[in-house]
Amino acid sequence: MIRHPETLLPFFRAKIEAWVAACEARDVELLVYCTYRSPAEQEALYAQGRSTSGRIVTNARPWRSAHQYRRAVDAIPIVNGKPDWSYADINRDQVPDEHWWAVMVEEAEKLGLEWAGHWKSFREYVHFQDLGGQTIAQLYELEGPGTQV
């Protein structure tokens, strides 16, 4: 299930739809719960644990996240009919070892998606993205605030 797939760039949406289908073919159901995130939403998340209550959930300020460029999703498996939020926490010390996470990552990587669980710092196991061969800095210059997309 993909919430708000229409908010993704067409090339990325096609990859996410293929990813969901590939996982389902291996009996792993996904919930893609976050697609596009506005700069205001990103700012609110960045403030969390800093200037507002809660734990820190991102190091990305607005326009420094692939979500603003419509090239990222956050997803979790559905296990026994319910979303499995156990690895939605950021910065877990261990990579998830349940088979459904392995399937999610394998199928994502087959499609060229980057899994944030491989990042060296601030691992985010629910985050998958495709920057199309560019960096966030390049996307900022091409598509960031003040540009016409």
N, C-alpha and C. Protein backbone atom coordinates (compact mmCIF):
# COMPACT_ATOMS: atom_id res chain seq x y z
N MET A 1 0.85 -1.18 0.00
CA MET A 1 0.00 0.00 0.00
C MET A 1 0.89 1.24 0.00
N ILE A 2 0.60 2.15 -0.89
CA ILE A 2 1.37 3.39 -0.98
C ILE A 2 0.43 4.55 -0.70
N ARG A 3 0.71 5.27 0.36
CA ARG A 3 -0.08 6.46 0.65
C ARG A 3 0.43 7.61 -0.20
N HIS A 4 -0.44 8.22 -0.93
CA HIS A 4 -0.16 9.40 -1.76
C HIS A 4 0.92 9.16 -2.82
N PRO A 5 0.80 8.12 -3.64
CA PRO A 5 1.82 7.87 -4.66
C PRO A 5 1.90 8.98 -5.70
N GLU A 6 0.80 9.70 -5.89
CA GLU A 6 0.78 10.77 -6.89
C GLU A 6 1.73 11.91 -6.54
N THR A 7 2.21 11.97 -5.31
CA THR A 7 3.12 13.04 -4.92
C THR A 7 4.57 12.75 -5.30
N LEU A 8 4.85 11.54 -5.79
CA LEU A 8 6.22 11.17 -6.16
C LEU A 8 6.49 11.50 -7.62
N LEU A 9 7.77 11.73 -7.96
CA LEU A 9 8.14 11.90 -9.36
C LEU A 9 7.81 10.62 -10.12
N PRO A 10 7.39 10.73 -11.38
CA PRO A 10 6.97 9.55 -12.13
C PRO A 10 7.99 8.40 -12.14
N PHE A 11 9.28 8.70 -12.37
CA PHE A 11 10.28 7.63 -12.41
C PHE A 11 10.40 6.94 -11.06
N PHE A 12 10.30 7.74 -10.01
CA PHE A 12 10.44 7.18 -8.66
C PHE A 12 9.18 6.42 -8.25
N ARG A 13 8.05 6.97 -8.61
CA ARG A 13 6.78 6.28 -8.32
C ARG A 13 6.76 4.89 -8.96
N ALA A 14 7.23 4.80 -10.21
CA ALA A 14 7.26 3.50 -10.90
C ALA A 14 8.15 2.52 -10.14
N LYS A 15 9.28 3.00 -9.65
CA LYS A 15 10.17 2.12 -8.88
C LYS A 15 9.52 1.67 -7.58
N ILE A 16 8.84 2.59 -6.91
CA ILE A 16 8.20 2.23 -5.64
C ILE A 16 7.07 1.24 -5.88
N GLU A 17 6.29 1.45 -6.92
CA GLU A 17 5.22 0.50 -7.24
C GLU A 17 5.80 -0.88 -7.57
N ALA A 18 6.90 -0.91 -8.32
CA ALA A 18 7.55 -2.19 -8.64
C ALA A 18 8.12 -2.84 -7.37
N TRP A 19 8.65 -2.03 -6.48
CA TRP A 19 9.21 -2.53 -5.22
C TRP A 19 8.12 -3.17 -4.36
N VAL A 20 7.01 -2.48 -4.21
CA VAL A 20 5.89 -3.00 -3.43
C VAL A 20 5.42 -4.33 -4.03
N ALA A 21 5.28 -4.37 -5.35
CA ALA A 21 4.83 -5.60 -6.02
C ALA A 21 5.84 -6.74 -5.84
N ALA A 22 7.13 -6.44 -5.94
CA ALA A 22 8.17 -7.47 -5.78
C ALA A 22 8.16 -8.02 -4.36
N CYS A 23 7.98 -7.15 -3.39
CA CYS A 23 7.91 -7.62 -2.00
C CYS A 23 6.67 -8.47 -1.79
N GLU A 24 5.54 -8.04 -2.33
CA GLU A 24 4.30 -8.81 -2.19
C GLU A 24 4.43 -10.18 -2.85
N ALA A 25 5.17 -10.26 -3.97
CA ALA A 25 5.39 -11.54 -4.63
C ALA A 25 6.19 -12.50 -3.75
N ARG A 26 6.90 -11.92 -2.78
CA ARG A 26 7.67 -12.73 -1.82
C ARG A 26 6.97 -12.78 -0.46
N ASP A 27 5.68 -12.50 -0.47
CA ASP A 27 4.83 -12.56 0.74
C ASP A 27 5.22 -11.57 1.82
N VAL A 28 5.71 -10.41 1.40
CA VAL A 28 6.02 -9.34 2.35
C VAL A 28 5.19 -8.14 1.92
N GLU A 29 4.22 -7.79 2.76
CA GLU A 29 3.35 -6.65 2.48
C GLU A 29 3.96 -5.39 3.09
N LEU A 30 3.93 -4.30 2.33
CA LEU A 30 4.51 -3.04 2.80
C LEU A 30 3.45 -1.98 3.01
N LEU A 31 3.76 -1.08 3.91
CA LEU A 31 3.00 0.15 4.07
C LEU A 31 3.98 1.29 3.81
N VAL A 32 3.81 1.96 2.68
CA VAL A 32 4.59 3.16 2.38
C VAL A 32 3.80 4.31 2.98
N TYR A 33 4.24 4.80 4.12
CA TYR A 33 3.44 5.75 4.88
C TYR A 33 3.87 7.20 4.72
N CYS A 34 5.02 7.45 4.15
CA CYS A 34 5.44 8.83 3.93
C CYS A 34 6.07 8.94 2.55
N THR A 35 5.54 9.85 1.75
CA THR A 35 6.09 10.11 0.42
C THR A 35 6.63 11.54 0.41
N TYR A 36 5.97 12.44 -0.30
CA TYR A 36 6.40 13.84 -0.30
C TYR A 36 6.20 14.44 1.09
N ARG A 37 7.15 15.24 1.49
CA ARG A 37 7.04 15.98 2.75
C ARG A 37 7.35 17.44 2.44
N SER A 38 6.45 18.32 2.78
CA SER A 38 6.64 19.74 2.48
C SER A 38 7.80 20.30 3.29
N PRO A 39 8.37 21.43 2.86
CA PRO A 39 9.42 22.05 3.66
C PRO A 39 8.95 22.40 5.07
N ALA A 40 7.71 22.82 5.22
CA ALA A 40 7.18 23.13 6.56
C ALA A 40 7.11 21.87 7.43
N GLU A 41 6.67 20.76 6.85
CA GLU A 41 6.65 19.50 7.60
C GLU A 41 8.06 19.06 7.97
N GLN A 42 9.00 19.26 7.05
CA GLN A 42 10.39 18.89 7.33
C GLN A 42 10.95 19.75 8.46
N GLU A 43 10.63 21.03 8.44
CA GLU A 43 11.10 21.93 9.50
C GLU A 43 10.55 21.51 10.85
N ALA A 44 9.28 21.13 10.89
CA ALA A 44 8.68 20.67 12.15
C ALA A 44 9.36 19.41 12.65
N LEU A 45 9.67 18.49 11.75
CA LEU A 45 10.38 17.27 12.15
C LEU A 45 11.79 17.58 12.64
N TYR A 46 12.45 18.52 11.94
CA TYR A 46 13.81 18.90 12.35
C TYR A 46 13.80 19.56 13.73
N ALA A 47 12.78 20.32 14.03
CA ALA A 47 12.68 21.00 15.33
C ALA A 47 12.44 20.02 16.47
N GLN A 48 11.84 18.88 16.15
CA GLN A 48 11.52 17.90 17.19
C GLN A 48 12.80 17.43 17.87
N GLY A 49 12.77 17.50 19.19
CA GLY A 49 13.93 17.10 19.97
C GLY A 49 14.98 18.18 20.08
N ARG A 50 14.77 19.27 19.38
CA ARG A 50 15.68 20.41 19.44
C ARG A 50 14.96 21.58 20.11
N SER A 51 14.02 22.19 19.39
CA SER A 51 13.29 23.32 19.97
C SER A 51 11.86 22.96 20.37
N THR A 52 11.42 21.75 20.03
CA THR A 52 10.12 21.25 20.47
C THR A 52 10.32 19.90 21.16
N SER A 53 9.29 19.43 21.82
CA SER A 53 9.42 18.18 22.58
C SER A 53 9.50 16.98 21.65
N GLY A 54 9.99 15.89 22.19
CA GLY A 54 10.10 14.65 21.44
C GLY A 54 11.55 14.29 21.19
N ARG A 55 11.73 13.14 20.54
CA ARG A 55 13.08 12.70 20.23
C ARG A 55 13.48 13.20 18.85
N ILE A 56 14.75 13.34 18.61
CA ILE A 56 15.25 13.77 17.31
C ILE A 56 14.96 12.65 16.31
N VAL A 57 14.32 13.00 15.21
CA VAL A 57 13.95 12.01 14.20
C VAL A 57 14.59 12.27 12.84
N THR A 58 15.27 13.40 12.68
CA THR A 58 15.94 13.69 11.41
C THR A 58 17.08 14.68 11.65
N ASN A 59 18.08 14.59 10.81
CA ASN A 59 19.15 15.59 10.79
C ASN A 59 19.00 16.51 9.59
N ALA A 60 17.95 16.31 8.80
CA ALA A 60 17.77 17.06 7.57
C ALA A 60 16.85 18.26 7.77
N ARG A 61 17.38 19.41 7.46
CA ARG A 61 16.57 20.63 7.45
C ARG A 61 15.74 20.63 6.16
N PRO A 62 14.79 21.56 6.03
CA PRO A 62 14.02 21.65 4.79
C PRO A 62 14.94 21.78 3.57
N TRP A 63 14.59 21.10 2.51
CA TRP A 63 15.30 21.05 1.24
C TRP A 63 16.62 20.28 1.33
N ARG A 64 16.86 19.64 2.46
CA ARG A 64 18.05 18.79 2.62
C ARG A 64 17.64 17.33 2.77
N SER A 65 16.37 17.06 2.50
CA SER A 65 15.81 15.71 2.53
C SER A 65 15.28 15.36 1.14
N ALA A 66 15.47 14.13 0.73
CA ALA A 66 14.96 13.68 -0.57
C ALA A 66 13.43 13.72 -0.62
N HIS A 67 12.78 13.77 0.54
CA HIS A 67 11.31 13.85 0.56
C HIS A 67 10.82 15.13 -0.11
N GLN A 68 11.54 16.25 0.04
CA GLN A 68 11.11 17.48 -0.59
C GLN A 68 11.23 17.42 -2.11
N TYR A 69 12.10 16.55 -2.60
CA TYR A 69 12.33 16.41 -4.04
C TYR A 69 11.50 15.26 -4.63
N ARG A 70 10.60 14.71 -3.82
CA ARG A 70 9.68 13.66 -4.27
C ARG A 70 10.41 12.40 -4.72
N ARG A 71 11.55 12.13 -4.04
CA ARG A 71 12.41 11.00 -4.40
C ARG A 71 12.71 10.11 -3.20
N ALA A 72 11.83 10.12 -2.19
CA ALA A 72 12.05 9.30 -1.00
C ALA A 72 10.71 8.83 -0.45
N VAL A 73 10.77 7.66 0.19
CA VAL A 73 9.62 7.14 0.91
C VAL A 73 10.10 6.55 2.23
N ASP A 74 9.19 6.50 3.17
CA ASP A 74 9.40 5.77 4.41
C ASP A 74 8.38 4.64 4.39
N ALA A 75 8.85 3.43 4.69
CA ALA A 75 7.99 2.25 4.61
C ALA A 75 8.32 1.26 5.71
N ILE A 76 7.31 0.52 6.09
CA ILE A 76 7.46 -0.54 7.08
C ILE A 76 6.71 -1.78 6.59
N PRO A 77 7.08 -2.94 7.10
CA PRO A 77 6.33 -4.14 6.73
C PRO A 77 5.03 -4.25 7.51
N ILE A 78 4.10 -4.94 6.93
CA ILE A 78 2.87 -5.29 7.63
C ILE A 78 3.01 -6.76 8.01
N VAL A 79 2.98 -7.04 9.30
CA VAL A 79 3.20 -8.39 9.81
C VAL A 79 1.94 -8.84 10.54
N ASN A 80 1.43 -9.98 10.15
CA ASN A 80 0.19 -10.51 10.74
C ASN A 80 -0.94 -9.48 10.68
N GLY A 81 -1.00 -8.77 9.56
CA GLY A 81 -2.07 -7.82 9.34
C GLY A 81 -1.91 -6.47 9.99
N LYS A 82 -0.78 -6.24 10.68
CA LYS A 82 -0.57 -4.96 11.38
C LYS A 82 0.78 -4.36 11.01
N PRO A 83 0.84 -3.04 10.88
CA PRO A 83 2.13 -2.41 10.62
C PRO A 83 3.13 -2.73 11.73
N ASP A 84 4.35 -3.08 11.34
CA ASP A 84 5.42 -3.38 12.29
C ASP A 84 6.30 -2.14 12.44
N TRP A 85 6.04 -1.38 13.50
CA TRP A 85 6.77 -0.13 13.75
C TRP A 85 8.05 -0.36 14.54
N SER A 86 8.45 -1.59 14.79
CA SER A 86 9.57 -1.86 15.68
C SER A 86 10.88 -1.24 15.20
N TYR A 87 11.06 -1.08 13.90
CA TYR A 87 12.30 -0.47 13.41
C TYR A 87 12.05 0.89 12.80
N ALA A 88 10.95 1.52 13.15
CA ALA A 88 10.71 2.88 12.69
C ALA A 88 11.57 3.86 13.49
N ASP A 89 12.07 3.42 14.64
CA ASP A 89 12.96 4.27 15.42
C ASP A 89 14.26 4.48 14.65
N ILE A 90 14.70 5.70 14.64
CA ILE A 90 15.94 6.04 13.95
C ILE A 90 17.11 5.75 14.88
N ASN A 91 18.23 5.38 14.29
CA ASN A 91 19.48 5.14 15.02
C ASN A 91 19.44 3.90 15.89
N ARG A 92 18.76 2.88 15.46
CA ARG A 92 18.83 1.60 16.17
C ARG A 92 20.26 1.08 16.02
N ASP A 93 20.73 0.36 17.00
CA ASP A 93 22.11 -0.14 16.97
C ASP A 93 22.28 -1.35 16.07
N GLN A 94 21.22 -2.10 15.86
CA GLN A 94 21.33 -3.31 15.07
C GLN A 94 20.46 -3.22 13.84
N VAL A 95 20.98 -3.75 12.76
CA VAL A 95 20.19 -3.84 11.53
C VAL A 95 19.09 -4.87 11.78
N PRO A 96 17.87 -4.58 11.34
CA PRO A 96 16.78 -5.54 11.55
C PRO A 96 17.14 -6.89 10.95
N ASP A 97 16.86 -7.96 11.68
CA ASP A 97 17.20 -9.28 11.17
C ASP A 97 15.99 -10.12 10.78
N GLU A 98 14.81 -9.59 10.93
CA GLU A 98 13.62 -10.32 10.50
C GLU A 98 13.65 -10.46 8.98
N HIS A 99 13.17 -11.59 8.47
CA HIS A 99 13.27 -11.86 7.04
C HIS A 99 12.57 -10.82 6.18
N TRP A 100 11.50 -10.22 6.68
CA TRP A 100 10.78 -9.25 5.85
C TRP A 100 11.62 -8.01 5.60
N TRP A 101 12.46 -7.62 6.55
CA TRP A 101 13.35 -6.48 6.30
C TRP A 101 14.38 -6.84 5.24
N ALA A 102 14.90 -8.05 5.29
CA ALA A 102 15.86 -8.49 4.28
C ALA A 102 15.22 -8.46 2.89
N VAL A 103 13.98 -8.92 2.79
CA VAL A 103 13.27 -8.90 1.51
C VAL A 103 13.10 -7.45 1.04
N MET A 104 12.68 -6.58 1.94
CA MET A 104 12.48 -5.18 1.57
C MET A 104 13.77 -4.58 1.00
N VAL A 105 14.88 -4.80 1.69
CA VAL A 105 16.15 -4.23 1.26
C VAL A 105 16.62 -4.87 -0.04
N GLU A 106 16.55 -6.18 -0.14
CA GLU A 106 16.98 -6.87 -1.37
C GLU A 106 16.21 -6.36 -2.59
N GLU A 107 14.91 -6.29 -2.46
CA GLU A 107 14.09 -5.87 -3.60
C GLU A 107 14.30 -4.39 -3.92
N ALA A 108 14.49 -3.58 -2.91
CA ALA A 108 14.76 -2.16 -3.14
C ALA A 108 16.07 -1.98 -3.90
N GLU A 109 17.09 -2.68 -3.45
CA GLU A 109 18.40 -2.53 -4.08
C GLU A 109 18.42 -3.07 -5.51
N LYS A 110 17.62 -4.09 -5.80
CA LYS A 110 17.50 -4.57 -7.17
C LYS A 110 17.01 -3.48 -8.11
N LEU A 111 16.20 -2.58 -7.57
CA LEU A 111 15.62 -1.49 -8.36
C LEU A 111 16.46 -0.21 -8.31
N GLY A 112 17.60 -0.27 -7.65
CA GLY A 112 18.48 0.90 -7.58
C GLY A 112 18.11 1.88 -6.48
N LEU A 113 17.28 1.46 -5.53
CA LEU A 113 16.93 2.33 -4.42
C LEU A 113 18.02 2.28 -3.36
N GLU A 114 18.26 3.40 -2.74
CA GLU A 114 19.22 3.50 -1.65
C GLU A 114 18.48 3.31 -0.33
N TRP A 115 18.98 2.44 0.52
CA TRP A 115 18.40 2.19 1.83
C TRP A 115 19.20 2.94 2.88
N ALA A 116 18.54 3.77 3.66
CA ALA A 116 19.21 4.57 4.69
C ALA A 116 19.69 3.73 5.86
N GLY A 117 19.35 2.48 5.90
CA GLY A 117 19.88 1.58 6.91
C GLY A 117 21.35 1.28 6.71
N HIS A 118 21.87 1.56 5.52
CA HIS A 118 23.29 1.38 5.24
C HIS A 118 24.12 2.62 5.57
N TRP A 119 23.45 3.72 5.87
CA TRP A 119 24.20 4.95 6.14
C TRP A 119 25.10 4.76 7.35
N LYS A 120 26.23 5.44 7.34
CA LYS A 120 27.21 5.32 8.44
C LYS A 120 26.71 5.99 9.71
N SER A 121 26.04 7.11 9.57
CA SER A 121 25.50 7.79 10.74
C SER A 121 24.03 8.08 10.52
N PHE A 122 23.32 8.16 11.61
CA PHE A 122 21.89 8.43 11.59
C PHE A 122 21.15 7.48 10.66
N ARG A 123 21.36 6.20 10.88
CA ARG A 123 20.67 5.19 10.08
C ARG A 123 19.16 5.33 10.27
N GLU A 124 18.48 5.19 9.17
CA GLU A 124 17.02 5.29 9.19
C GLU A 124 16.47 4.10 8.40
N TYR A 125 16.09 3.07 9.12
CA TYR A 125 15.72 1.81 8.49
C TYR A 125 14.47 1.87 7.64
N VAL A 126 13.63 2.85 7.86
CA VAL A 126 12.37 2.93 7.11
C VAL A 126 12.50 3.75 5.83
N HIS A 127 13.65 4.37 5.60
CA HIS A 127 13.83 5.34 4.52
C HIS A 127 14.50 4.71 3.30
N PHE A 128 13.86 4.92 2.13
CA PHE A 128 14.38 4.45 0.85
C PHE A 128 14.30 5.62 -0.12
N GLN A 129 15.34 5.80 -0.96
CA GLN A 129 15.35 6.96 -1.85
C GLN A 129 16.10 6.64 -3.14
N ASP A 130 15.92 7.51 -4.12
CA ASP A 130 16.67 7.46 -5.38
C ASP A 130 16.86 8.89 -5.83
N LEU A 131 18.08 9.36 -5.73
CA LEU A 131 18.39 10.75 -6.10
C LEU A 131 18.71 10.89 -7.58
N GLY A 132 18.56 9.82 -8.34
CA GLY A 132 18.80 9.89 -9.78
C GLY A 132 20.23 10.23 -10.12
N GLY A 133 21.17 9.76 -9.31
CA GLY A 133 22.59 10.00 -9.57
C GLY A 133 23.09 11.37 -9.13
N GLN A 134 22.24 12.11 -8.45
CA GLN A 134 22.64 13.43 -7.98
C GLN A 134 22.77 13.43 -6.47
N THR A 135 23.35 14.49 -5.95
CA THR A 135 23.44 14.68 -4.52
C THR A 135 22.30 15.60 -4.08
N ILE A 136 22.06 15.64 -2.79
CA ILE A 136 21.06 16.59 -2.28
C ILE A 136 21.48 18.02 -2.63
N ALA A 137 22.76 18.32 -2.56
CA ALA A 137 23.23 19.68 -2.90
C ALA A 137 22.92 20.00 -4.36
N GLN A 138 23.10 19.05 -5.26
CA GLN A 138 22.78 19.28 -6.67
C GLN A 138 21.28 19.47 -6.86
N LEU A 139 20.49 18.65 -6.18
CA LEU A 139 19.04 18.81 -6.28
C LEU A 139 18.61 20.17 -5.75
N TYR A 140 19.23 20.61 -4.68
CA TYR A 140 18.91 21.93 -4.11
C TYR A 140 19.14 23.02 -5.15
N GLU A 141 20.26 22.94 -5.85
CA GLU A 141 20.56 23.95 -6.88
C GLU A 141 19.58 23.90 -8.04
N LEU A 142 19.19 22.69 -8.42
CA LEU A 142 18.30 22.51 -9.56
C LEU A 142 16.82 22.70 -9.24
N GLU A 143 16.40 22.27 -8.04
CA GLU A 143 14.97 22.18 -7.72
C GLU A 143 14.59 22.82 -6.40
N GLY A 144 15.55 23.38 -5.68
CA GLY A 144 15.29 23.92 -4.36
C GLY A 144 14.44 25.17 -4.39
N PRO A 145 14.30 25.82 -3.24
CA PRO A 145 13.46 27.02 -3.17
C PRO A 145 13.96 28.09 -4.13
N GLY A 146 13.02 28.74 -4.76
CA GLY A 146 13.36 29.80 -5.70
C GLY A 146 13.58 29.33 -7.11
N THR A 147 13.50 28.03 -7.35
CA THR A 147 13.65 27.53 -8.72
C THR A 147 12.29 27.14 -9.25
N GLN A 148 12.16 27.15 -10.53
CA GLN A 148 10.91 26.69 -11.17
C GLN A 148 11.10 25.25 -11.57
N VAL A 149 10.29 24.37 -11.00
CA VAL A 149 10.40 22.93 -11.31
C VAL A 149 9.44 22.57 -12.40
